[in-house]
Amino acid sequence: MVTAVSRDFRLQMDGYGLTTAEIHYHMPDYPNLLQLYVWQEYDLAPDFPELKGFLGYWESELDGALHSVRVAHHRLITPSEWRAVDGIVAIH
């Protein structure tokens, strides 16, 4: 029996952690007002290539100028929590 492994689990096994960015930006029609956008994706700390790519896209393609970005990151699976197990696990 072949079981498909989810993309998210595979990323976590490769060292990715869940990254949440709180992005404040100036509204294009009302530049004195700030709007909040929350972005969440699996990414690699401390370089955050996925987040940097998203912010690069934002700056080149969207009208709302960035004001600030606050980032939270947590690896959900760490090496000490994962180990291979030999045998069969029966689930009733």
PDB file of N, CA and C in Angstrom:
ATOM      1  N   MET A   1       0.840  -1.182   0.000  1.00  0.00           N
ATOM      2  CA  MET A   1       0.000   0.000   0.000  1.00  0.00           C
ATOM      3  C   MET A   1       0.885   1.245   0.000  1.00  0.00           C
ATOM      4  N   VAL A   2       0.668   2.135  -0.930  1.00  0.00           N
ATOM      5  CA  VAL A   2       1.434   3.373  -1.047  1.00  0.00           C
ATOM      6  C   VAL A   2       0.594   4.508  -0.490  1.00  0.00           C
ATOM      7  N   THR A   3       1.190   5.257   0.422  1.00  0.00           N
ATOM      8  CA  THR A   3       0.502   6.387   1.020  1.00  0.00           C
ATOM      9  C   THR A   3       1.158   7.672   0.527  1.00  0.00           C
ATOM     10  N   ALA A   4       0.367   8.601   0.060  1.00  0.00           N
ATOM     11  CA  ALA A   4       0.887   9.885  -0.400  1.00  0.00           C
ATOM     12  C   ALA A   4       1.246  10.746   0.810  1.00  0.00           C
ATOM     13  N   VAL A   5       2.392  11.391   0.723  1.00  0.00           N
ATOM     14  CA  VAL A   5       2.839  12.284   1.784  1.00  0.00           C
ATOM     15  C   VAL A   5       2.495  13.704   1.366  1.00  0.00           C
ATOM     16  N   SER A   6       1.902  14.454   2.278  1.00  0.00           N
ATOM     17  CA  SER A   6       1.490  15.815   1.941  1.00  0.00           C
ATOM     18  C   SER A   6       2.705  16.721   1.726  1.00  0.00           C
ATOM     19  N   ARG A   7       2.497  17.732   0.931  1.00  0.00           N
ATOM     20  CA  ARG A   7       3.543  18.718   0.648  1.00  0.00           C
ATOM     21  C   ARG A   7       4.017  19.381   1.943  1.00  0.00           C
ATOM     22  N   ASP A   8       3.075  19.729   2.820  1.00  0.00           N
ATOM     23  CA  ASP A   8       3.419  20.401   4.078  1.00  0.00           C
ATOM     24  C   ASP A   8       4.314  19.532   4.948  1.00  0.00           C
ATOM     25  N   PHE A   9       3.988  18.244   5.059  1.00  0.00           N
ATOM     26  CA  PHE A   9       4.805  17.339   5.874  1.00  0.00           C
ATOM     27  C   PHE A   9       6.196  17.196   5.269  1.00  0.00           C
ATOM     28  N   ARG A  10       6.272  17.077   3.966  1.00  0.00           N
ATOM     29  CA  ARG A  10       7.563  16.942   3.290  1.00  0.00           C
ATOM     30  C   ARG A  10       8.426  18.177   3.536  1.00  0.00           C
ATOM     31  N   LEU A  11       7.826  19.359   3.465  1.00  0.00           N
ATOM     32  CA  LEU A  11       8.571  20.591   3.736  1.00  0.00           C
ATOM     33  C   LEU A  11       9.085  20.620   5.169  1.00  0.00           C
ATOM     34  N   GLN A  12       8.257  20.204   6.113  1.00  0.00           N
ATOM     35  CA  GLN A  12       8.675  20.185   7.519  1.00  0.00           C
ATOM     36  C   GLN A  12       9.845  19.234   7.725  1.00  0.00           C
ATOM     37  N   MET A  13       9.835  18.098   7.029  1.00  0.00           N
ATOM     38  CA  MET A  13      10.932  17.144   7.151  1.00  0.00           C
ATOM     39  C   MET A  13      12.216  17.695   6.526  1.00  0.00           C
ATOM     40  N   ASP A  14      12.086  18.632   5.612  1.00  0.00           N
ATOM     41  CA  ASP A  14      13.245  19.268   4.982  1.00  0.00           C
ATOM     42  C   ASP A  14      13.735  20.492   5.755  1.00  0.00           C
ATOM     43  N   GLY A  15      13.167  20.738   6.932  1.00  0.00           N
ATOM     44  CA  GLY A  15      13.636  21.826   7.776  1.00  0.00           C
ATOM     45  C   GLY A  15      12.819  23.098   7.717  1.00  0.00           C
ATOM     46  N   TYR A  16      11.774  23.115   6.924  1.00  0.00           N
ATOM     47  CA  TYR A  16      10.920  24.304   6.844  1.00  0.00           C
ATOM     48  C   TYR A  16      10.058  24.407   8.097  1.00  0.00           C
ATOM     49  N   GLY A  17       9.757  25.634   8.487  1.00  0.00           N
ATOM     50  CA  GLY A  17       8.863  25.889   9.599  1.00  0.00           C
ATOM     51  C   GLY A  17       7.739  26.799   9.152  1.00  0.00           C
ATOM     52  N   LEU A  18       6.697  26.858   9.948  1.00  0.00           N
ATOM     53  CA  LEU A  18       5.561  27.705   9.620  1.00  0.00           C
ATOM     54  C   LEU A  18       5.917  29.160   9.913  1.00  0.00           C
ATOM     55  N   THR A  19       5.814  29.990   8.889  1.00  0.00           N
ATOM     56  CA  THR A  19       6.153  31.407   9.003  1.00  0.00           C
ATOM     57  C   THR A  19       4.892  32.234   8.807  1.00  0.00           C
ATOM     58  N   THR A  20       4.674  33.155   9.718  1.00  0.00           N
ATOM     59  CA  THR A  20       3.549  34.077   9.617  1.00  0.00           C
ATOM     60  C   THR A  20       4.105  35.489   9.569  1.00  0.00           C
ATOM     61  N   ALA A  21       3.666  36.256   8.576  1.00  0.00           N
ATOM     62  CA  ALA A  21       4.110  37.642   8.446  1.00  0.00           C
ATOM     63  C   ALA A  21       2.903  38.556   8.553  1.00  0.00           C
ATOM     64  N   GLU A  22       3.018  39.530   9.406  1.00  0.00           N
ATOM     65  CA  GLU A  22       2.008  40.575   9.561  1.00  0.00           C
ATOM     66  C   GLU A  22       2.511  41.776   8.760  1.00  0.00           C
ATOM     67  N   ILE A  23       1.870  42.041   7.640  1.00  0.00           N
ATOM     68  CA  ILE A  23       2.343  43.053   6.697  1.00  0.00           C
ATOM     69  C   ILE A  23       1.431  44.279   6.770  1.00  0.00           C
ATOM     70  N   HIS A  24       2.016  45.400   7.146  1.00  0.00           N
ATOM     71  CA  HIS A  24       1.292  46.670   7.162  1.00  0.00           C
ATOM     72  C   HIS A  24       1.685  47.430   5.905  1.00  0.00           C
ATOM     73  N   TYR A  25       0.677  47.942   5.207  1.00  0.00           N
ATOM     74  CA  TYR A  25       0.953  48.678   3.976  1.00  0.00           C
ATOM     75  C   TYR A  25       0.025  49.881   3.874  1.00  0.00           C
ATOM     76  N   HIS A  26       0.472  50.858   3.087  1.00  0.00           N
ATOM     77  CA  HIS A  26      -0.317  52.069   2.855  1.00  0.00           C
ATOM     78  C   HIS A  26      -1.373  51.770   1.802  1.00  0.00           C
ATOM     79  N   MET A  27      -2.609  52.155   2.061  1.00  0.00           N
ATOM     80  CA  MET A  27      -3.676  51.957   1.084  1.00  0.00           C
ATOM     81  C   MET A  27      -3.409  52.866  -0.119  1.00  0.00           C
ATOM     82  N   PRO A  28      -3.489  52.331  -1.337  1.00  0.00           N
ATOM     83  CA  PRO A  28      -3.152  53.128  -2.521  1.00  0.00           C
ATOM     84  C   PRO A  28      -3.978  54.411  -2.665  1.00  0.00           C
ATOM     85  N   ASP A  29      -5.274  54.353  -2.411  1.00  0.00           N
ATOM     86  CA  ASP A  29      -6.124  55.536  -2.570  1.00  0.00           C
ATOM     87  C   ASP A  29      -6.077  56.481  -1.376  1.00  0.00           C
ATOM     88  N   TYR A  30      -5.652  55.978  -0.221  1.00  0.00           N
ATOM     89  CA  TYR A  30      -5.579  56.772   1.011  1.00  0.00           C
ATOM     90  C   TYR A  30      -4.241  56.495   1.685  1.00  0.00           C
ATOM     91  N   PRO A  31      -3.148  57.049   1.188  1.00  0.00           N
ATOM     92  CA  PRO A  31      -1.810  56.698   1.676  1.00  0.00           C
ATOM     93  C   PRO A  31      -1.550  57.000   3.151  1.00  0.00           C
ATOM     94  N   ASN A  32      -2.390  57.804   3.782  1.00  0.00           N
ATOM     95  CA  ASN A  32      -2.218  58.060   5.215  1.00  0.00           C
ATOM     96  C   ASN A  32      -2.808  56.960   6.073  1.00  0.00           C
ATOM     97  N   LEU A  33      -3.555  56.029   5.457  1.00  0.00           N
ATOM     98  CA  LEU A  33      -4.143  54.911   6.197  1.00  0.00           C
ATOM     99  C   LEU A  33      -3.334  53.637   5.969  1.00  0.00           C
ATOM    100  N   LEU A  34      -3.185  52.863   7.049  1.00  0.00           N
ATOM    101  CA  LEU A  34      -2.492  51.587   6.950  1.00  0.00           C
ATOM    102  C   LEU A  34      -3.502  50.446   6.938  1.00  0.00           C
ATOM    103  N   GLN A  35      -3.206  49.441   6.157  1.00  0.00           N
ATOM    104  CA  GLN A  35      -4.019  48.225   6.090  1.00  0.00           C
ATOM    105  C   GLN A  35      -3.127  47.069   6.534  1.00  0.00           C
ATOM    106  N   LEU A  36      -3.749  46.019   7.038  1.00  0.00           N
ATOM    107  CA  LEU A  36      -3.009  44.844   7.509  1.00  0.00           C
ATOM    108  C   LEU A  36      -3.315  43.651   6.619  1.00  0.00           C
ATOM    109  N   TYR A  37      -2.266  42.921   6.241  1.00  0.00           N
ATOM    110  CA  TYR A  37      -2.402  41.679   5.482  1.00  0.00           C
ATOM    111  C   TYR A  37      -1.590  40.627   6.220  1.00  0.00           C
ATOM    112  N   VAL A  38      -2.167  39.449   6.440  1.00  0.00           N
ATOM    113  CA  VAL A  38      -1.454  38.367   7.111  1.00  0.00           C
ATOM    114  C   VAL A  38      -1.123  37.295   6.078  1.00  0.00           C
ATOM    115  N   TRP A  39       0.153  36.951   5.995  1.00  0.00           N
ATOM    116  CA  TRP A  39       0.678  35.955   5.055  1.00  0.00           C
ATOM    117  C   TRP A  39       1.221  34.780   5.858  1.00  0.00           C
ATOM    118  N   GLN A  40       0.947  33.561   5.398  1.00  0.00           N
ATOM    119  CA  GLN A  40       1.440  32.389   6.121  1.00  0.00           C
ATOM    120  C   GLN A  40       1.856  31.324   5.118  1.00  0.00           C
ATOM    121  N   GLU A  41       3.059  30.779   5.324  1.00  0.00           N
ATOM    122  CA  GLU A  41       3.606  29.765   4.429  1.00  0.00           C
ATOM    123  C   GLU A  41       4.745  29.057   5.148  1.00  0.00           C
ATOM    124  N   TYR A  42       5.109  27.876   4.671  1.00  0.00           N
ATOM    125  CA  TYR A  42       6.293  27.198   5.195  1.00  0.00           C
ATOM    126  C   TYR A  42       7.516  27.843   4.569  1.00  0.00           C
ATOM    127  N   ASP A  43       8.516  28.154   5.407  1.00  0.00           N
ATOM    128  CA  ASP A  43       9.700  28.865   4.941  1.00  0.00           C
ATOM    129  C   ASP A  43      10.906  28.449   5.773  1.00  0.00           C
ATOM    130  N   LEU A  44      12.097  28.801   5.292  1.00  0.00           N
ATOM    131  CA  LEU A  44      13.347  28.468   5.976  1.00  0.00           C
ATOM    132  C   LEU A  44      13.901  29.692   6.696  1.00  0.00           C
ATOM    133  N   ALA A  45      14.023  29.590   8.019  1.00  0.00           N
ATOM    134  CA  ALA A  45      14.640  30.665   8.797  1.00  0.00           C
ATOM    135  C   ALA A  45      16.148  30.429   8.774  1.00  0.00           C
ATOM    136  N   PRO A  46      16.970  31.418   8.851  1.00  0.00           N
ATOM    137  CA  PRO A  46      16.671  32.835   9.055  1.00  0.00           C
ATOM    138  C   PRO A  46      16.602  33.637   7.754  1.00  0.00           C
ATOM    139  N   ASP A  47      16.783  32.970   6.606  1.00  0.00           N
ATOM    140  CA  ASP A  47      16.833  33.717   5.343  1.00  0.00           C
ATOM    141  C   ASP A  47      15.458  34.018   4.749  1.00  0.00           C
ATOM    142  N   PHE A  48      14.466  33.195   5.032  1.00  0.00           N
ATOM    143  CA  PHE A  48      13.082  33.379   4.578  1.00  0.00           C
ATOM    144  C   PHE A  48      12.965  33.636   3.073  1.00  0.00           C
ATOM    145  N   PRO A  49      13.414  32.695   2.234  1.00  0.00           N
ATOM    146  CA  PRO A  49      13.342  32.911   0.785  1.00  0.00           C
ATOM    147  C   PRO A  49      11.914  33.036   0.253  1.00  0.00           C
ATOM    148  N   GLU A  50      10.965  32.301   0.804  1.00  0.00           N
ATOM    149  CA  GLU A  50       9.570  32.396   0.347  1.00  0.00           C
ATOM    150  C   GLU A  50       8.995  33.770   0.659  1.00  0.00           C
ATOM    151  N   LEU A  51       9.214  34.242   1.868  1.00  0.00           N
ATOM    152  CA  LEU A  51       8.709  35.564   2.271  1.00  0.00           C
ATOM    153  C   LEU A  51       9.362  36.668   1.450  1.00  0.00           C
ATOM    154  N   LYS A  52      10.673  36.572   1.252  1.00  0.00           N
ATOM    155  CA  LYS A  52      11.361  37.589   0.447  1.00  0.00           C
ATOM    156  C   LYS A  52      10.826  37.600  -0.980  1.00  0.00           C
ATOM    157  N   GLY A  53      10.547  36.423  -1.531  1.00  0.00           N
ATOM    158  CA  GLY A  53       9.972  36.352  -2.866  1.00  0.00           C
ATOM    159  C   GLY A  53       8.600  36.997  -2.927  1.00  0.00           C
ATOM    160  N   PHE A  54       7.780  36.735  -1.908  1.00  0.00           N
ATOM    161  CA  PHE A  54       6.448  37.337  -1.862  1.00  0.00           C
ATOM    162  C   PHE A  54       6.535  38.856  -1.736  1.00  0.00           C
ATOM    163  N   LEU A  55       7.413  39.334  -0.862  1.00  0.00           N
ATOM    164  CA  LEU A  55       7.546  40.782  -0.684  1.00  0.00           C
ATOM    165  C   LEU A  55       8.121  41.445  -1.937  1.00  0.00           C
ATOM    166  N   GLY A  56       9.005  40.748  -2.644  1.00  0.00           N
ATOM    167  CA  GLY A  56       9.519  41.270  -3.908  1.00  0.00           C
ATOM    168  C   GLY A  56       8.411  41.411  -4.937  1.00  0.00           C
ATOM    169  N   TYR A  57       7.548  40.381  -4.998  1.00  0.00           N
ATOM    170  CA  TYR A  57       6.393  40.441  -5.890  1.00  0.00           C
ATOM    171  C   TYR A  57       5.486  41.611  -5.501  1.00  0.00           C
ATOM    172  N   TRP A  58       5.256  41.753  -4.199  1.00  0.00           N
ATOM    173  CA  TRP A  58       4.392  42.834  -3.704  1.00  0.00           C
ATOM    174  C   TRP A  58       4.921  44.187  -4.185  1.00  0.00           C
ATOM    175  N   GLU A  59       6.214  44.431  -3.956  1.00  0.00           N
ATOM    176  CA  GLU A  59       6.789  45.736  -4.292  1.00  0.00           C
ATOM    177  C   GLU A  59       6.785  46.009  -5.798  1.00  0.00           C
ATOM    178  N   SER A  60       6.919  44.963  -6.615  1.00  0.00           N
ATOM    179  CA  SER A  60       6.982  45.194  -8.058  1.00  0.00           C
ATOM    180  C   SER A  60       5.612  45.200  -8.741  1.00  0.00           C
ATOM    181  N   GLU A  61       4.623  44.515  -8.160  1.00  0.00           N
ATOM    182  CA  GLU A  61       3.350  44.336  -8.856  1.00  0.00           C
ATOM    183  C   GLU A  61       2.138  45.001  -8.199  1.00  0.00           C
ATOM    184  N   LEU A  62       2.202  45.294  -6.913  1.00  0.00           N
ATOM    185  CA  LEU A  62       1.043  45.844  -6.210  1.00  0.00           C
ATOM    186  C   LEU A  62       1.234  47.319  -5.903  1.00  0.00           C
ATOM    187  N   ASP A  63       0.124  48.028  -5.733  1.00  0.00           N
ATOM    188  CA  ASP A  63       0.173  49.474  -5.540  1.00  0.00           C
ATOM    189  C   ASP A  63       0.417  49.913  -4.100  1.00  0.00           C
ATOM    190  N   GLY A  64       0.034  49.123  -3.119  1.00  0.00           N
ATOM    191  CA  GLY A  64       0.162  49.536  -1.729  1.00  0.00           C
ATOM    192  C   GLY A  64       1.603  49.466  -1.248  1.00  0.00           C
ATOM    193  N   ALA A  65       2.187  50.632  -0.931  1.00  0.00           N
ATOM    194  CA  ALA A  65       3.577  50.675  -0.462  1.00  0.00           C
ATOM    195  C   ALA A  65       3.690  50.014   0.912  1.00  0.00           C
ATOM    196  N   LEU A  66       4.720  49.195   1.073  1.00  0.00           N
ATOM    197  CA  LEU A  66       4.931  48.515   2.354  1.00  0.00           C
ATOM    198  C   LEU A  66       5.333  49.521   3.429  1.00  0.00           C
ATOM    199  N   HIS A  67       4.788  49.323   4.614  1.00  0.00           N
ATOM    200  CA  HIS A  67       5.144  50.142   5.769  1.00  0.00           C
ATOM    201  C   HIS A  67       6.038  49.359   6.710  1.00  0.00           C
ATOM    202  N   SER A  68       5.594  48.157   7.099  1.00  0.00           N
ATOM    203  CA  SER A  68       6.383  47.334   8.012  1.00  0.00           C
ATOM    204  C   SER A  68       5.945  45.878   7.882  1.00  0.00           C
ATOM    205  N   VAL A  69       6.861  44.979   8.285  1.00  0.00           N
ATOM    206  CA  VAL A  69       6.585  43.549   8.262  1.00  0.00           C
ATOM    207  C   VAL A  69       7.082  42.964   9.577  1.00  0.00           C
ATOM    208  N   ARG A  70       6.204  42.234  10.263  1.00  0.00           N
ATOM    209  CA  ARG A  70       6.567  41.548  11.507  1.00  0.00           C
ATOM    210  C   ARG A  70       6.449  40.057  11.252  1.00  0.00           C
ATOM    211  N   VAL A  71       7.489  39.296  11.611  1.00  0.00           N
ATOM    212  CA  VAL A  71       7.569  37.883  11.262  1.00  0.00           C
ATOM    213  C   VAL A  71       7.622  37.015  12.517  1.00  0.00           C
ATOM    214  N   ALA A  72       6.852  35.915  12.477  1.00  0.00           N
ATOM    215  CA  ALA A  72       6.923  34.875  13.508  1.00  0.00           C
ATOM    216  C   ALA A  72       7.213  33.567  12.777  1.00  0.00           C
ATOM    217  N   HIS A  73       8.071  32.735  13.367  1.00  0.00           N
ATOM    218  CA  HIS A  73       8.465  31.482  12.722  1.00  0.00           C
ATOM    219  C   HIS A  73       8.591  30.390  13.777  1.00  0.00           C
ATOM    220  N   HIS A  74       8.111  29.200  13.434  1.00  0.00           N
ATOM    221  CA  HIS A  74       8.230  28.069  14.358  1.00  0.00           C
ATOM    222  C   HIS A  74       8.354  26.779  13.572  1.00  0.00           C
ATOM    223  N   ARG A  75       9.394  26.011  13.887  1.00  0.00           N
ATOM    224  CA  ARG A  75       9.530  24.689  13.275  1.00  0.00           C
ATOM    225  C   ARG A  75       8.611  23.749  14.023  1.00  0.00           C
ATOM    226  N   LEU A  76       7.689  23.139  13.313  1.00  0.00           N
ATOM    227  CA  LEU A  76       6.701  22.275  13.945  1.00  0.00           C
ATOM    228  C   LEU A  76       7.260  20.894  14.251  1.00  0.00           C
ATOM    229  N   ILE A  77       8.173  20.425  13.433  1.00  0.00           N
ATOM    230  CA  ILE A  77       8.825  19.135  13.668  1.00  0.00           C
ATOM    231  C   ILE A  77      10.316  19.401  13.780  1.00  0.00           C
ATOM    232  N   THR A  78      10.891  19.008  14.896  1.00  0.00           N
ATOM    233  CA  THR A  78      12.326  19.171  15.080  1.00  0.00           C
ATOM    234  C   THR A  78      12.980  17.800  15.069  1.00  0.00           C
ATOM    235  N   PRO A  79      14.284  17.729  14.832  1.00  0.00           N
ATOM    236  CA  PRO A  79      14.947  16.426  14.760  1.00  0.00           C
ATOM    237  C   PRO A  79      14.733  15.537  15.981  1.00  0.00           C
ATOM    238  N   SER A  80      14.644  16.112  17.165  1.00  0.00           N
ATOM    239  CA  SER A  80      14.463  15.299  18.368  1.00  0.00           C
ATOM    240  C   SER A  80      13.073  14.676  18.449  1.00  0.00           C
ATOM    241  N   GLU A  81      12.113  15.197  17.697  1.00  0.00           N
ATOM    242  CA  GLU A  81      10.750  14.668  17.740  1.00  0.00           C
ATOM    243  C   GLU A  81      10.503  13.599  16.686  1.00  0.00           C
ATOM    244  N   TRP A  82      11.398  13.433  15.738  1.00  0.00           N
ATOM    245  CA  TRP A  82      11.177  12.514  14.626  1.00  0.00           C
ATOM    246  C   TRP A  82      12.189  11.387  14.689  1.00  0.00           C
ATOM    247  N   ARG A  83      11.714  10.153  14.612  1.00  0.00           N
ATOM    248  CA  ARG A  83      12.615   9.014  14.523  1.00  0.00           C
ATOM    249  C   ARG A  83      11.912   7.910  13.763  1.00  0.00           C
ATOM    250  N   ALA A  84      12.706   7.125  13.069  1.00  0.00           N
ATOM    251  CA  ALA A  84      12.154   6.009  12.316  1.00  0.00           C
ATOM    252  C   ALA A  84      11.791   4.879  13.279  1.00  0.00           C
ATOM    253  N   VAL A  85      10.708   4.198  13.005  1.00  0.00           N
ATOM    254  CA  VAL A  85      10.247   3.101  13.854  1.00  0.00           C
ATOM    255  C   VAL A  85      10.086   1.868  12.977  1.00  0.00           C
ATOM    256  N   ASP A  86      10.704   0.760  13.409  1.00  0.00           N
ATOM    257  CA  ASP A  86      10.516  -0.500  12.703  1.00  0.00           C
ATOM    258  C   ASP A  86       9.310  -1.196  13.283  1.00  0.00           C
ATOM    259  N   GLY A  87       8.546  -1.845  12.416  1.00  0.00           N
ATOM    260  CA  GLY A  87       7.416  -2.623  12.886  1.00  0.00           C
ATOM    261  C   GLY A  87       6.122  -2.131  12.305  1.00  0.00           C
ATOM    262  N   ILE A  88       5.066  -2.717  12.787  1.00  0.00           N
ATOM    263  CA  ILE A  88       3.721  -2.384  12.314  1.00  0.00           C
ATOM    264  C   ILE A  88       2.962  -1.760  13.468  1.00  0.00           C
ATOM    265  N   VAL A  89       2.285  -0.688  13.193  1.00  0.00           N
ATOM    266  CA  VAL A  89       1.457  -0.032  14.192  1.00  0.00           C
ATOM    267  C   VAL A  89       0.008  -0.290  13.799  1.00  0.00           C
ATOM    268  N   ALA A  90      -0.720  -0.970  14.652  1.00  0.00           N
ATOM    269  CA  ALA A  90      -2.125  -1.274  14.379  1.00  0.00           C
ATOM    270  C   ALA A  90      -3.005  -0.193  14.988  1.00  0.00           C
ATOM    271  N   ILE A  91      -3.901   0.324  14.171  1.00  0.00           N
ATOM    272  CA  ILE A  91      -4.867   1.314  14.649  1.00  0.00           C
ATOM    273  C   ILE A  91      -6.253   0.706  14.530  1.00  0.00           C
ATOM    274  N   HIS A  92      -6.949   0.651  15.632  1.00  0.00           N
ATOM    275  CA  HIS A  92      -8.263  -0.001  15.647  1.00  0.00           C
ATOM    276  C   HIS A  92      -9.333   0.921  15.166  1.00  0.00           C
TER     277      HIS A  92
END
